[in-house]
């Protein structure tokens, strides 16, 4: 747990500094939110992970084009967190809307969907 605490401390400091120098919808802020969400996800603190993953997604939806791969990453992370919480239906819904069928990362999304379908 100590390493997670250190990671959170550094990511949160980075976020504070980033907020000073960048506008509130800058993609780098989304990356910071995503990183913090990832630590909480690894700790099993899924509600906190979702909070930060959703902040990341919100910034990315505003600052990036709709076909940007980082949006797919956000949806995948949110779906994976719902799967970790045992909410497989919600995870599937998130993953299904994450990518168009022609997107380069569609294989990742489809693998996630297949893994959840096995659990249902």
PDB file of N, CA and C in Angstrom:
ATOM      1  N   UNK A   1       0.824  -1.192   0.000  1.00  0.00           N
ATOM      2  CA  UNK A   1       0.000   0.000   0.000  1.00  0.00           C
ATOM      3  C   UNK A   1       0.870   1.259   0.000  1.00  0.00           C
ATOM      4  N   UNK A   2       2.094   1.136   0.534  1.00  0.00           N
ATOM      5  CA  UNK A   2       2.974   2.288   0.606  1.00  0.00           C
ATOM      6  C   UNK A   2       3.359   2.841  -0.754  1.00  0.00           C
ATOM      7  N   UNK A   3       3.582   1.958  -1.715  1.00  0.00           N
ATOM      8  CA  UNK A   3       3.952   2.405  -3.055  1.00  0.00           C
ATOM      9  C   UNK A   3       2.793   3.132  -3.731  1.00  0.00           C
ATOM     10  N   UNK A   4       1.576   2.646  -3.502  1.00  0.00           N
ATOM     11  CA  UNK A   4       0.409   3.329  -4.058  1.00  0.00           C
ATOM     12  C   UNK A   4       0.273   4.723  -3.459  1.00  0.00           C
ATOM     13  N   UNK A   5       0.519   4.830  -2.169  1.00  0.00           N
ATOM     14  CA  UNK A   5       0.436   6.139  -1.510  1.00  0.00           C
ATOM     15  C   UNK A   5       1.458   7.104  -2.089  1.00  0.00           C
ATOM     16  N   UNK A   6       2.665   6.605  -2.330  1.00  0.00           N
ATOM     17  CA  UNK A   6       3.706   7.445  -2.931  1.00  0.00           C
ATOM     18  C   UNK A   6       3.302   7.870  -4.336  1.00  0.00           C
ATOM     19  N   UNK A   7       2.789   6.921  -5.096  1.00  0.00           N
ATOM     20  CA  UNK A   7       2.362   7.241  -6.463  1.00  0.00           C
ATOM     21  C   UNK A   7       1.279   8.309  -6.441  1.00  0.00           C
ATOM     22  N   UNK A   8       0.293   8.143  -5.565  1.00  0.00           N
ATOM     23  CA  UNK A   8      -0.776   9.142  -5.461  1.00  0.00           C
ATOM     24  C   UNK A   8      -0.219  10.505  -5.085  1.00  0.00           C
ATOM     25  N   UNK A   9       0.691  10.517  -4.134  1.00  0.00           N
ATOM     26  CA  UNK A   9       1.289  11.781  -3.695  1.00  0.00           C
ATOM     27  C   UNK A   9       1.963  12.500  -4.866  1.00  0.00           C
ATOM     28  N   UNK A  10       2.744  11.779  -5.638  1.00  0.00           N
ATOM     29  CA  UNK A  10       3.446  12.401  -6.758  1.00  0.00           C
ATOM     30  C   UNK A  10       2.492  12.818  -7.875  1.00  0.00           C
ATOM     31  N   UNK A  11       1.521  11.969  -8.183  1.00  0.00           N
ATOM     32  CA  UNK A  11       0.546  12.326  -9.219  1.00  0.00           C
ATOM     33  C   UNK A  11      -0.280  13.543  -8.801  1.00  0.00           C
ATOM     34  N   UNK A  12      -0.648  13.607  -7.534  1.00  0.00           N
ATOM     35  CA  UNK A  12      -1.435  14.751  -7.063  1.00  0.00           C
ATOM     36  C   UNK A  12      -0.612  16.037  -7.081  1.00  0.00           C
ATOM     37  N   UNK A  13       0.668  15.953  -6.722  1.00  0.00           N
ATOM     38  CA  UNK A  13       1.544  17.129  -6.814  1.00  0.00           C
ATOM     39  C   UNK A  13       1.683  17.575  -8.267  1.00  0.00           C
ATOM     40  N   UNK A  14       1.867  16.606  -9.148  1.00  0.00           N
ATOM     41  CA  UNK A  14       1.969  16.926 -10.574  1.00  0.00           C
ATOM     42  C   UNK A  14       0.700  17.616 -11.056  1.00  0.00           C
ATOM     43  N   UNK A  15      -0.449  17.114 -10.636  1.00  0.00           N
ATOM     44  CA  UNK A  15      -1.723  17.709 -11.031  1.00  0.00           C
ATOM     45  C   UNK A  15      -1.837  19.147 -10.535  1.00  0.00           C
ATOM     46  N   UNK A  16      -1.461  19.388  -9.287  1.00  0.00           N
ATOM     47  CA  UNK A  16      -1.506  20.754  -8.740  1.00  0.00           C
ATOM     48  C   UNK A  16      -0.665  21.708  -9.582  1.00  0.00           C
ATOM     49  N   UNK A  17       0.536  21.294  -9.913  1.00  0.00           N
ATOM     50  CA  UNK A  17       1.436  22.140 -10.701  1.00  0.00           C
ATOM     51  C   UNK A  17       0.877  22.340 -12.106  1.00  0.00           C
ATOM     52  N   UNK A  18       0.385  21.276 -12.699  1.00  0.00           N
ATOM     53  CA  UNK A  18      -0.164  21.349 -14.054  1.00  0.00           C
ATOM     54  C   UNK A  18      -1.340  22.310 -14.115  1.00  0.00           C
ATOM     55  N   UNK A  19      -2.193  22.287 -13.091  1.00  0.00           N
ATOM     56  CA  UNK A  19      -3.360  23.178 -13.057  1.00  0.00           C
ATOM     57  C   UNK A  19      -2.957  24.654 -13.035  1.00  0.00           C
ATOM     58  N   UNK A  20      -1.791  24.945 -12.493  1.00  0.00           N
ATOM     59  CA  UNK A  20      -1.318  26.333 -12.425  1.00  0.00           C
ATOM     60  C   UNK A  20      -0.958  26.853 -13.817  1.00  0.00           C
ATOM     61  N   UNK A  21      -0.345  26.003 -14.620  1.00  0.00           N
ATOM     62  CA  UNK A  21       0.221  26.453 -15.888  1.00  0.00           C
ATOM     63  C   UNK A  21      -0.615  26.168 -17.128  1.00  0.00           C
ATOM     64  N   UNK A  22      -1.610  25.309 -16.999  1.00  0.00           N
ATOM     65  CA  UNK A  22      -2.394  24.929 -18.178  1.00  0.00           C
ATOM     66  C   UNK A  22      -3.862  25.298 -18.002  1.00  0.00           C
ATOM     67  N   UNK A  23      -4.553  25.529 -19.114  1.00  0.00           N
ATOM     68  CA  UNK A  23      -5.993  25.796 -19.023  1.00  0.00           C
ATOM     69  C   UNK A  23      -6.729  24.545 -18.526  1.00  0.00           C
ATOM     70  N   UNK A  24      -7.927  24.714 -17.969  1.00  0.00           N
ATOM     71  CA  UNK A  24      -8.632  23.596 -17.327  1.00  0.00           C
ATOM     72  C   UNK A  24      -9.024  22.448 -18.251  1.00  0.00           C
ATOM     73  N   UNK A  25      -9.035  22.677 -19.547  1.00  0.00           N
ATOM     74  CA  UNK A  25      -9.403  21.606 -20.471  1.00  0.00           C
ATOM     75  C   UNK A  25      -8.226  21.117 -21.312  1.00  0.00           C
ATOM     76  N   UNK A  26      -7.023  21.298 -20.806  1.00  0.00           N
ATOM     77  CA  UNK A  26      -5.836  20.845 -21.532  1.00  0.00           C
ATOM     78  C   UNK A  26      -5.719  19.317 -21.429  1.00  0.00           C
ATOM     79  N   UNK A  27      -5.371  18.641 -22.527  1.00  0.00           N
ATOM     80  CA  UNK A  27      -5.265  17.176 -22.504  1.00  0.00           C
ATOM     81  C   UNK A  27      -4.289  16.625 -21.460  1.00  0.00           C
ATOM     82  N   UNK A  28      -3.258  17.394 -21.113  1.00  0.00           N
ATOM     83  CA  UNK A  28      -2.324  16.913 -20.089  1.00  0.00           C
ATOM     84  C   UNK A  28      -3.009  16.755 -18.732  1.00  0.00           C
ATOM     85  N   UNK A  29      -4.011  17.581 -18.461  1.00  0.00           N
ATOM     86  CA  UNK A  29      -4.772  17.415 -17.221  1.00  0.00           C
ATOM     87  C   UNK A  29      -5.533  16.094 -17.252  1.00  0.00           C
ATOM     88  N   UNK A  30      -6.067  15.750 -18.404  1.00  0.00           N
ATOM     89  CA  UNK A  30      -6.778  14.476 -18.540  1.00  0.00           C
ATOM     90  C   UNK A  30      -5.839  13.311 -18.230  1.00  0.00           C
ATOM     91  N   UNK A  31      -4.606  13.414 -18.686  1.00  0.00           N
ATOM     92  CA  UNK A  31      -3.628  12.363 -18.407  1.00  0.00           C
ATOM     93  C   UNK A  31      -3.362  12.264 -16.914  1.00  0.00           C
ATOM     94  N   UNK A  32      -3.253  13.405 -16.250  1.00  0.00           N
ATOM     95  CA  UNK A  32      -3.042  13.392 -14.800  1.00  0.00           C
ATOM     96  C   UNK A  32      -4.217  12.750 -14.074  1.00  0.00           C
ATOM     97  N   UNK A  33      -5.431  13.141 -14.449  1.00  0.00           N
ATOM     98  CA  UNK A  33      -6.621  12.531 -13.835  1.00  0.00           C
ATOM     99  C   UNK A  33      -6.634  11.022 -14.088  1.00  0.00           C
ATOM    100  N   UNK A  34      -6.298  10.635 -15.302  1.00  0.00           N
ATOM    101  CA  UNK A  34      -6.281   9.220 -15.654  1.00  0.00           C
ATOM    102  C   UNK A  34      -5.265   8.452 -14.807  1.00  0.00           C
ATOM    103  N   UNK A  35      -4.082   9.025 -14.615  1.00  0.00           N
ATOM    104  CA  UNK A  35      -3.047   8.358 -13.824  1.00  0.00           C
ATOM    105  C   UNK A  35      -3.487   8.170 -12.373  1.00  0.00           C
ATOM    106  N   UNK A  36      -4.110   9.189 -11.808  1.00  0.00           N
ATOM    107  CA  UNK A  36      -4.610   9.086 -10.436  1.00  0.00           C
ATOM    108  C   UNK A  36      -5.704   8.021 -10.367  1.00  0.00           C
ATOM    109  N   UNK A  37      -6.590   8.022 -11.353  1.00  0.00           N
ATOM    110  CA  UNK A  37      -7.626   6.993 -11.407  1.00  0.00           C
ATOM    111  C   UNK A  37      -7.031   5.596 -11.469  1.00  0.00           C
ATOM    112  N   UNK A  38      -5.954   5.447 -12.216  1.00  0.00           N
ATOM    113  CA  UNK A  38      -5.301   4.147 -12.332  1.00  0.00           C
ATOM    114  C   UNK A  38      -4.755   3.639 -11.012  1.00  0.00           C
ATOM    115  N   UNK A  39      -4.211   4.543 -10.208  1.00  0.00           N
ATOM    116  CA  UNK A  39      -3.705   4.135  -8.896  1.00  0.00           C
ATOM    117  C   UNK A  39      -4.865   3.685  -8.010  1.00  0.00           C
ATOM    118  N   UNK A  40      -5.928   4.488  -7.981  1.00  0.00           N
ATOM    119  CA  UNK A  40      -7.091   4.091  -7.177  1.00  0.00           C
ATOM    120  C   UNK A  40      -7.668   2.766  -7.665  1.00  0.00           C
ATOM    121  N   UNK A  41      -7.694   2.565  -8.968  1.00  0.00           N
ATOM    122  CA  UNK A  41      -8.197   1.311  -9.528  1.00  0.00           C
ATOM    123  C   UNK A  41      -7.344   0.140  -9.042  1.00  0.00           C
ATOM    124  N   UNK A  42      -6.033   0.299  -9.084  1.00  0.00           N
ATOM    125  CA  UNK A  42      -5.122  -0.750  -8.625  1.00  0.00           C
ATOM    126  C   UNK A  42      -5.280  -1.045  -7.140  1.00  0.00           C
ATOM    127  N   UNK A  43      -5.685  -0.036  -6.386  1.00  0.00           N
ATOM    128  CA  UNK A  43      -5.904  -0.202  -4.948  1.00  0.00           C
ATOM    129  C   UNK A  43      -7.270  -0.821  -4.641  1.00  0.00           C
ATOM    130  N   UNK A  44      -8.101  -0.959  -5.664  1.00  0.00           N
ATOM    131  CA  UNK A  44      -9.446  -1.482  -5.445  1.00  0.00           C
ATOM    132  C   UNK A  44     -10.425  -0.437  -4.958  1.00  0.00           C
ATOM    133  N   UNK A  45     -10.028   0.823  -4.997  1.00  0.00           N
ATOM    134  CA  UNK A  45     -10.913   1.927  -4.603  1.00  0.00           C
ATOM    135  C   UNK A  45     -11.630   2.417  -5.859  1.00  0.00           C
ATOM    136  N   UNK A  46     -12.609   1.621  -6.272  1.00  0.00           N
ATOM    137  CA  UNK A  46     -13.239   1.823  -7.567  1.00  0.00           C
ATOM    138  C   UNK A  46     -14.033   3.122  -7.679  1.00  0.00           C
ATOM    139  N   UNK A  47     -14.680   3.540  -6.616  1.00  0.00           N
ATOM    140  CA  UNK A  47     -15.444   4.795  -6.685  1.00  0.00           C
ATOM    141  C   UNK A  47     -14.524   5.980  -6.941  1.00  0.00           C
ATOM    142  N   UNK A  48     -13.383   5.997  -6.253  1.00  0.00           N
ATOM    143  CA  UNK A  48     -12.407   7.078  -6.475  1.00  0.00           C
ATOM    144  C   UNK A  48     -11.812   6.964  -7.879  1.00  0.00           C
ATOM    145  N   UNK A  49     -11.551   5.751  -8.321  1.00  0.00           N
ATOM    146  CA  UNK A  49     -11.017   5.558  -9.673  1.00  0.00           C
ATOM    147  C   UNK A  49     -11.987   6.119 -10.702  1.00  0.00           C
ATOM    148  N   UNK A  50     -13.270   5.789 -10.556  1.00  0.00           N
ATOM    149  CA  UNK A  50     -14.275   6.294 -11.499  1.00  0.00           C
ATOM    150  C   UNK A  50     -14.334   7.812 -11.492  1.00  0.00           C
ATOM    151  N   UNK A  51     -14.238   8.398 -10.312  1.00  0.00           N
ATOM    152  CA  UNK A  51     -14.270   9.865 -10.207  1.00  0.00           C
ATOM    153  C   UNK A  51     -13.181  10.485 -11.082  1.00  0.00           C
ATOM    154  N   UNK A  52     -11.978   9.952 -11.007  1.00  0.00           N
ATOM    155  CA  UNK A  52     -10.870  10.521 -11.769  1.00  0.00           C
ATOM    156  C   UNK A  52     -10.904  10.114 -13.238  1.00  0.00           C
ATOM    157  N   UNK A  53     -11.318   8.893 -13.520  1.00  0.00           N
ATOM    158  CA  UNK A  53     -11.460   8.487 -14.922  1.00  0.00           C
ATOM    159  C   UNK A  53     -12.520   9.334 -15.627  1.00  0.00           C
ATOM    160  N   UNK A  54     -13.604   9.650 -14.926  1.00  0.00           N
ATOM    161  CA  UNK A  54     -14.659  10.464 -15.533  1.00  0.00           C
ATOM    162  C   UNK A  54     -14.208  11.908 -15.734  1.00  0.00           C
ATOM    163  N   UNK A  55     -13.391  12.433 -14.811  1.00  0.00           N
ATOM    164  CA  UNK A  55     -12.814  13.767 -15.019  1.00  0.00           C
ATOM    165  C   UNK A  55     -11.925  13.757 -16.259  1.00  0.00           C
ATOM    166  N   UNK A  56     -11.135  12.720 -16.383  1.00  0.00           N
ATOM    167  CA  UNK A  56     -10.254  12.588 -17.541  1.00  0.00           C
ATOM    168  C   UNK A  56     -11.063  12.544 -18.832  1.00  0.00           C
ATOM    169  N   UNK A  57     -12.113  11.739 -18.845  1.00  0.00           N
ATOM    170  CA  UNK A  57     -12.961  11.628 -20.033  1.00  0.00           C
ATOM    171  C   UNK A  57     -13.596  12.967 -20.382  1.00  0.00           C
ATOM    172  N   UNK A  58     -14.076  13.678 -19.388  1.00  0.00           N
ATOM    173  CA  UNK A  58     -14.728  14.976 -19.633  1.00  0.00           C
ATOM    174  C   UNK A  58     -13.764  15.947 -20.320  1.00  0.00           C
ATOM    175  N   UNK A  59     -12.540  16.024 -19.819  1.00  0.00           N
ATOM    176  CA  UNK A  59     -11.544  16.913 -20.423  1.00  0.00           C
ATOM    177  C   UNK A  59     -11.218  16.450 -21.843  1.00  0.00           C
ATOM    178  N   UNK A  60     -11.069  15.161 -22.018  1.00  0.00           N
ATOM    179  CA  UNK A  60     -10.738  14.638 -23.347  1.00  0.00           C
ATOM    180  C   UNK A  60     -11.863  14.880 -24.344  1.00  0.00           C
ATOM    181  N   UNK A  61     -13.102  14.747 -23.913  1.00  0.00           N
ATOM    182  CA  UNK A  61     -14.231  14.996 -24.816  1.00  0.00           C
ATOM    183  C   UNK A  61     -14.262  16.444 -25.291  1.00  0.00           C
ATOM    184  N   UNK A  62     -13.819  17.356 -24.437  1.00  0.00           N
ATOM    185  CA  UNK A  62     -13.800  18.780 -24.784  1.00  0.00           C
ATOM    186  C   UNK A  62     -12.583  19.133 -25.637  1.00  0.00           C
ATOM    187  N   UNK A  63     -11.444  18.545 -25.317  1.00  0.00           N
ATOM    188  CA  UNK A  63     -10.187  19.007 -25.915  1.00  0.00           C
ATOM    189  C   UNK A  63      -9.682  18.187 -27.103  1.00  0.00           C
ATOM    190  N   UNK A  64     -10.241  17.020 -27.328  1.00  0.00           N
ATOM    191  CA  UNK A  64      -9.722  16.151 -28.386  1.00  0.00           C
ATOM    192  C   UNK A  64     -10.788  15.872 -29.447  1.00  0.00           C
ATOM    193  N   UNK A  65     -10.353  15.526 -30.658  1.00  0.00           N
ATOM    194  CA  UNK A  65     -11.334  15.146 -31.691  1.00  0.00           C
ATOM    195  C   UNK A  65     -12.019  13.834 -31.294  1.00  0.00           C
ATOM    196  N   UNK A  66     -13.233  13.612 -31.792  1.00  0.00           N
ATOM    197  CA  UNK A  66     -14.014  12.448 -31.359  1.00  0.00           C
ATOM    198  C   UNK A  66     -13.404  11.086 -31.687  1.00  0.00           C
ATOM    199  N   UNK A  67     -12.453  11.043 -32.605  1.00  0.00           N
ATOM    200  CA  UNK A  67     -11.838   9.762 -32.954  1.00  0.00           C
ATOM    201  C   UNK A  67     -10.456   9.581 -32.325  1.00  0.00           C
ATOM    202  N   UNK A  68     -10.112  10.410 -31.359  1.00  0.00           N
ATOM    203  CA  UNK A  68      -8.789  10.333 -30.737  1.00  0.00           C
ATOM    204  C   UNK A  68      -8.675   9.071 -29.873  1.00  0.00           C
ATOM    205  N   UNK A  69      -7.547   8.359 -29.960  1.00  0.00           N
ATOM    206  CA  UNK A  69      -7.386   7.120 -29.189  1.00  0.00           C
ATOM    207  C   UNK A  69      -7.474   7.301 -27.672  1.00  0.00           C
ATOM    208  N   UNK A  70      -7.155   8.482 -27.169  1.00  0.00           N
ATOM    209  CA  UNK A  70      -7.233   8.699 -25.723  1.00  0.00           C
ATOM    210  C   UNK A  70      -8.664   8.613 -25.204  1.00  0.00           C
ATOM    211  N   UNK A  71      -9.632   8.945 -26.050  1.00  0.00           N
ATOM    212  CA  UNK A  71     -11.034   8.777 -25.648  1.00  0.00           C
ATOM    213  C   UNK A  71     -11.338   7.294 -25.454  1.00  0.00           C
ATOM    214  N   UNK A  72     -10.849   6.471 -26.357  1.00  0.00           N
ATOM    215  CA  UNK A  72     -11.052   5.026 -26.226  1.00  0.00           C
ATOM    216  C   UNK A  72     -10.392   4.507 -24.954  1.00  0.00           C
ATOM    217  N   UNK A  73      -9.221   5.036 -24.634  1.00  0.00           N
ATOM    218  CA  UNK A  73      -8.535   4.649 -23.399  1.00  0.00           C
ATOM    219  C   UNK A  73      -9.393   4.984 -22.190  1.00  0.00           C
ATOM    220  N   UNK A  74      -9.977   6.179 -22.187  1.00  0.00           N
ATOM    221  CA  UNK A  74     -10.839   6.572 -21.068  1.00  0.00           C
ATOM    222  C   UNK A  74     -12.031   5.634 -20.929  1.00  0.00           C
ATOM    223  N   UNK A  75     -12.705   5.363 -22.034  1.00  0.00           N
ATOM    224  CA  UNK A  75     -13.852   4.447 -21.980  1.00  0.00           C
ATOM    225  C   UNK A  75     -13.423   3.059 -21.511  1.00  0.00           C
ATOM    226  N   UNK A  76     -12.290   2.591 -22.004  1.00  0.00           N
ATOM    227  CA  UNK A  76     -11.808   1.275 -21.595  1.00  0.00           C
ATOM    228  C   UNK A  76     -11.528   1.236 -20.095  1.00  0.00           C
ATOM    229  N   UNK A  77     -10.886   2.279 -19.572  1.00  0.00           N
ATOM    230  CA  UNK A  77     -10.586   2.322 -18.141  1.00  0.00           C
ATOM    231  C   UNK A  77     -11.861   2.348 -17.301  1.00  0.00           C
ATOM    232  N   UNK A  78     -12.837   3.135 -17.724  1.00  0.00           N
ATOM    233  CA  UNK A  78     -14.106   3.203 -16.996  1.00  0.00           C
ATOM    234  C   UNK A  78     -14.802   1.841 -17.041  1.00  0.00           C
ATOM    235  N   UNK A  79     -14.828   1.223 -18.211  1.00  0.00           N
ATOM    236  CA  UNK A  79     -15.439  -0.097 -18.334  1.00  0.00           C
ATOM    237  C   UNK A  79     -14.739  -1.139 -17.479  1.00  0.00           C
ATOM    238  N   UNK A  80     -13.415  -1.111 -17.474  1.00  0.00           N
ATOM    239  CA  UNK A  80     -12.644  -2.055 -16.666  1.00  0.00           C
ATOM    240  C   UNK A  80     -12.932  -1.864 -15.180  1.00  0.00           C
ATOM    241  N   UNK A  81     -13.103  -0.623 -14.762  1.00  0.00           N
ATOM    242  CA  UNK A  81     -13.411  -0.351 -13.360  1.00  0.00           C
ATOM    243  C   UNK A  81     -14.789  -0.891 -12.996  1.00  0.00           C
ATOM    244  N   UNK A  82     -15.761  -0.676 -13.871  1.00  0.00           N
ATOM    245  CA  UNK A  82     -17.085  -1.251 -13.608  1.00  0.00           C
ATOM    246  C   UNK A  82     -17.015  -2.776 -13.551  1.00  0.00           C
ATOM    247  N   UNK A  83     -16.203  -3.368 -14.402  1.00  0.00           N
ATOM    248  CA  UNK A  83     -16.033  -4.823 -14.347  1.00  0.00           C
ATOM    249  C   UNK A  83     -15.440  -5.228 -13.000  1.00  0.00           C
ATOM    250  N   UNK A  84     -14.440  -4.468 -12.532  1.00  0.00           N
ATOM    251  CA  UNK A  84     -13.844  -4.745 -11.227  1.00  0.00           C
ATOM    252  C   UNK A  84     -14.841  -4.638 -10.084  1.00  0.00           C
ATOM    253  N   UNK A  85     -15.830  -3.774 -10.260  1.00  0.00           N
ATOM    254  CA  UNK A  85     -16.876  -3.597  -9.249  1.00  0.00           C
ATOM    255  C   UNK A  85     -17.948  -4.685  -9.356  1.00  0.00           C
ATOM    256  N   UNK A  86     -17.841  -5.511 -10.396  1.00  0.00           N
ATOM    257  CA  UNK A  86     -18.826  -6.564 -10.596  1.00  0.00           C
ATOM    258  C   UNK A  86     -20.032  -6.139 -11.406  1.00  0.00           C
ATOM    259  N   UNK A  87     -20.019  -4.913 -11.926  1.00  0.00           N
ATOM    260  CA  UNK A  87     -21.138  -4.411 -12.728  1.00  0.00           C
ATOM    261  C   UNK A  87     -20.833  -4.662 -14.207  1.00  0.00           C
ATOM    262  N   UNK A  88     -20.978  -5.915 -14.598  1.00  0.00           N
ATOM    263  CA  UNK A  88     -20.599  -6.328 -15.948  1.00  0.00           C
ATOM    264  C   UNK A  88     -21.470  -5.689 -17.022  1.00  0.00           C
ATOM    265  N   UNK A  89     -22.740  -5.508 -16.744  1.00  0.00           N
ATOM    266  CA  UNK A  89     -23.634  -4.888 -17.734  1.00  0.00           C
ATOM    267  C   UNK A  89     -23.212  -3.458 -18.036  1.00  0.00           C
ATOM    268  N   UNK A  90     -22.876  -2.716 -16.985  1.00  0.00           N
ATOM    269  CA  UNK A  90     -22.442  -1.329 -17.184  1.00  0.00           C
ATOM    270  C   UNK A  90     -21.115  -1.306 -17.945  1.00  0.00           C
ATOM    271  N   UNK A  91     -20.221  -2.227 -17.598  1.00  0.00           N
ATOM    272  CA  UNK A  91     -18.933  -2.313 -18.294  1.00  0.00           C
ATOM    273  C   UNK A  91     -19.151  -2.554 -19.783  1.00  0.00           C
ATOM    274  N   UNK A  92     -20.040  -3.482 -20.110  1.00  0.00           N
ATOM    275  CA  UNK A  92     -20.323  -3.762 -21.516  1.00  0.00           C
ATOM    276  C   UNK A  92     -20.865  -2.541 -22.234  1.00  0.00           C
ATOM    277  N   UNK A  93     -21.779  -1.832 -21.592  1.00  0.00           N
ATOM    278  CA  UNK A  93     -22.350  -0.630 -22.204  1.00  0.00           C
ATOM    279  C   UNK A  93     -21.295   0.415 -22.510  1.00  0.00           C
ATOM    280  N   UNK A  94     -20.381   0.614 -21.587  1.00  0.00           N
ATOM    281  CA  UNK A  94     -19.296   1.587 -21.782  1.00  0.00           C
ATOM    282  C   UNK A  94     -18.398   1.133 -22.929  1.00  0.00           C
ATOM    283  N   UNK A  95     -18.010  -0.127 -22.908  1.00  0.00           N
ATOM    284  CA  UNK A  95     -17.107  -0.613 -23.957  1.00  0.00           C
ATOM    285  C   UNK A  95     -17.749  -0.570 -25.333  1.00  0.00           C
ATOM    286  N   UNK A  96     -19.025  -0.869 -25.405  1.00  0.00           N
ATOM    287  CA  UNK A  96     -19.691  -0.874 -26.716  1.00  0.00           C
ATOM    288  C   UNK A  96     -19.723   0.505 -27.354  1.00  0.00           C
ATOM    289  N   UNK A  97     -19.776   1.540 -26.540  1.00  0.00           N
ATOM    290  CA  UNK A  97     -19.829   2.882 -27.119  1.00  0.00           C
ATOM    291  C   UNK A  97     -18.449   3.501 -27.289  1.00  0.00           C
ATOM    292  N   UNK A  98     -17.414   2.775 -26.921  1.00  0.00           N
ATOM    293  CA  UNK A  98     -16.084   3.370 -26.912  1.00  0.00           C
ATOM    294  C   UNK A  98     -15.469   3.566 -28.288  1.00  0.00           C
ATOM    295  N   UNK A  99     -15.736   2.674 -29.224  1.00  0.00           N
ATOM    296  CA  UNK A  99     -15.048   2.770 -30.512  1.00  0.00           C
ATOM    297  C   UNK A  99     -15.955   2.424 -31.682  1.00  0.00           C
ATOM    298  N   UNK A 100     -15.765   3.131 -32.796  1.00  0.00           N
ATOM    299  CA  UNK A 100     -16.434   2.692 -34.024  1.00  0.00           C
ATOM    300  C   UNK A 100     -15.744   1.420 -34.534  1.00  0.00           C
ATOM    301  N   UNK A 101     -16.434   0.652 -35.323  1.00  0.00           N
ATOM    302  CA  UNK A 101     -15.899  -0.638 -35.776  1.00  0.00           C
ATOM    303  C   UNK A 101     -14.638  -0.511 -36.624  1.00  0.00           C
ATOM    304  N   UNK A 102     -14.358   0.664 -37.155  1.00  0.00           N
ATOM    305  CA  UNK A 102     -13.175   0.853 -37.997  1.00  0.00           C
ATOM    306  C   UNK A 102     -11.972   1.397 -37.228  1.00  0.00           C
ATOM    307  N   UNK A 103     -12.107   1.631 -35.940  1.00  0.00           N
ATOM    308  CA  UNK A 103     -11.037   2.240 -35.150  1.00  0.00           C
ATOM    309  C   UNK A 103      -9.871   1.266 -34.963  1.00  0.00           C
ATOM    310  N   UNK A 104      -8.662   1.800 -34.895  1.00  0.00           N
ATOM    311  CA  UNK A 104      -7.467   0.966 -34.769  1.00  0.00           C
ATOM    312  C   UNK A 104      -7.397   0.216 -33.439  1.00  0.00           C
ATOM    313  N   UNK A 105      -8.073   0.692 -32.403  1.00  0.00           N
ATOM    314  CA  UNK A 105      -8.051   0.029 -31.098  1.00  0.00           C
ATOM    315  C   UNK A 105      -9.274  -0.843 -30.853  1.00  0.00           C
ATOM    316  N   UNK A 106     -10.023  -1.158 -31.882  1.00  0.00           N
ATOM    317  CA  UNK A 106     -11.258  -1.925 -31.708  1.00  0.00           C
ATOM    318  C   UNK A 106     -10.979  -3.308 -31.117  1.00  0.00           C
ATOM    319  N   UNK A 107      -9.829  -3.889 -31.438  1.00  0.00           N
ATOM    320  CA  UNK A 107      -9.509  -5.222 -30.919  1.00  0.00           C
ATOM    321  C   UNK A 107      -9.463  -5.211 -29.391  1.00  0.00           C
ATOM    322  N   UNK A 108      -8.882  -4.188 -28.789  1.00  0.00           N
ATOM    323  CA  UNK A 108      -8.825  -4.088 -27.333  1.00  0.00           C
ATOM    324  C   UNK A 108     -10.221  -4.027 -26.741  1.00  0.00           C
ATOM    325  N   UNK A 109     -11.071  -3.208 -27.328  1.00  0.00           N
ATOM    326  CA  UNK A 109     -12.442  -3.085 -26.828  1.00  0.00           C
ATOM    327  C   UNK A 109     -13.193  -4.403 -26.982  1.00  0.00           C
ATOM    328  N   UNK A 110     -13.028  -5.061 -28.103  1.00  0.00           N
ATOM    329  CA  UNK A 110     -13.730  -6.322 -28.332  1.00  0.00           C
ATOM    330  C   UNK A 110     -13.238  -7.418 -27.382  1.00  0.00           C
ATOM    331  N   UNK A 111     -11.946  -7.421 -27.073  1.00  0.00           N
ATOM    332  CA  UNK A 111     -11.419  -8.384 -26.102  1.00  0.00           C
ATOM    333  C   UNK A 111     -12.011  -8.146 -24.720  1.00  0.00           C
ATOM    334  N   UNK A 112     -12.158  -6.885 -24.344  1.00  0.00           N
ATOM    335  CA  UNK A 112     -12.768  -6.558 -23.053  1.00  0.00           C
ATOM    336  C   UNK A 112     -14.222  -7.016 -23.014  1.00  0.00           C
ATOM    337  N   UNK A 113     -14.937  -6.784 -24.088  1.00  0.00           N
ATOM    338  CA  UNK A 113     -16.341  -7.202 -24.168  1.00  0.00           C
ATOM    339  C   UNK A 113     -16.437  -8.728 -24.082  1.00  0.00           C
ATOM    340  N   UNK A 114     -15.565  -9.429 -24.780  1.00  0.00           N
ATOM    341  CA  UNK A 114     -15.584 -10.893 -24.753  1.00  0.00           C
ATOM    342  C   UNK A 114     -15.304 -11.425 -23.349  1.00  0.00           C
ATOM    343  N   UNK A 115     -14.368 -10.797 -22.646  1.00  0.00           N
ATOM    344  CA  UNK A 115     -14.044 -11.236 -21.285  1.00  0.00           C
ATOM    345  C   UNK A 115     -15.242 -11.086 -20.358  1.00  0.00           C
ATOM    346  N   UNK A 116     -15.980  -9.997 -20.512  1.00  0.00           N
ATOM    347  CA  UNK A 116     -17.153  -9.787 -19.667  1.00  0.00           C
ATOM    348  C   UNK A 116     -18.278 -10.731 -20.061  1.00  0.00           C
ATOM    349  N   UNK A 117     -18.465 -10.943 -21.338  1.00  0.00           N
ATOM    350  CA  UNK A 117     -19.519 -11.861 -21.784  1.00  0.00           C
ATOM    351  C   UNK A 117     -19.324 -13.256 -21.195  1.00  0.00           C
ATOM    352  N   UNK A 118     -18.080 -13.671 -21.001  1.00  0.00           N
ATOM    353  CA  UNK A 118     -17.806 -14.973 -20.390  1.00  0.00           C
ATOM    354  C   UNK A 118     -18.292 -15.020 -18.946  1.00  0.00           C
ATOM    355  N   UNK A 119     -18.277 -13.863 -18.271  1.00  0.00           N
ATOM    356  CA  UNK A 119     -18.696 -13.798 -16.867  1.00  0.00           C
ATOM    357  C   UNK A 119     -20.209 -13.779 -16.712  1.00  0.00           C
ATOM    358  N   UNK A 120     -20.918 -13.378 -17.769  1.00  0.00           N
ATOM    359  CA  UNK A 120     -22.379 -13.248 -17.677  1.00  0.00           C
ATOM    360  C   UNK A 120     -23.083 -14.575 -17.860  1.00  0.00           C
TER     361      UNK A 120
END
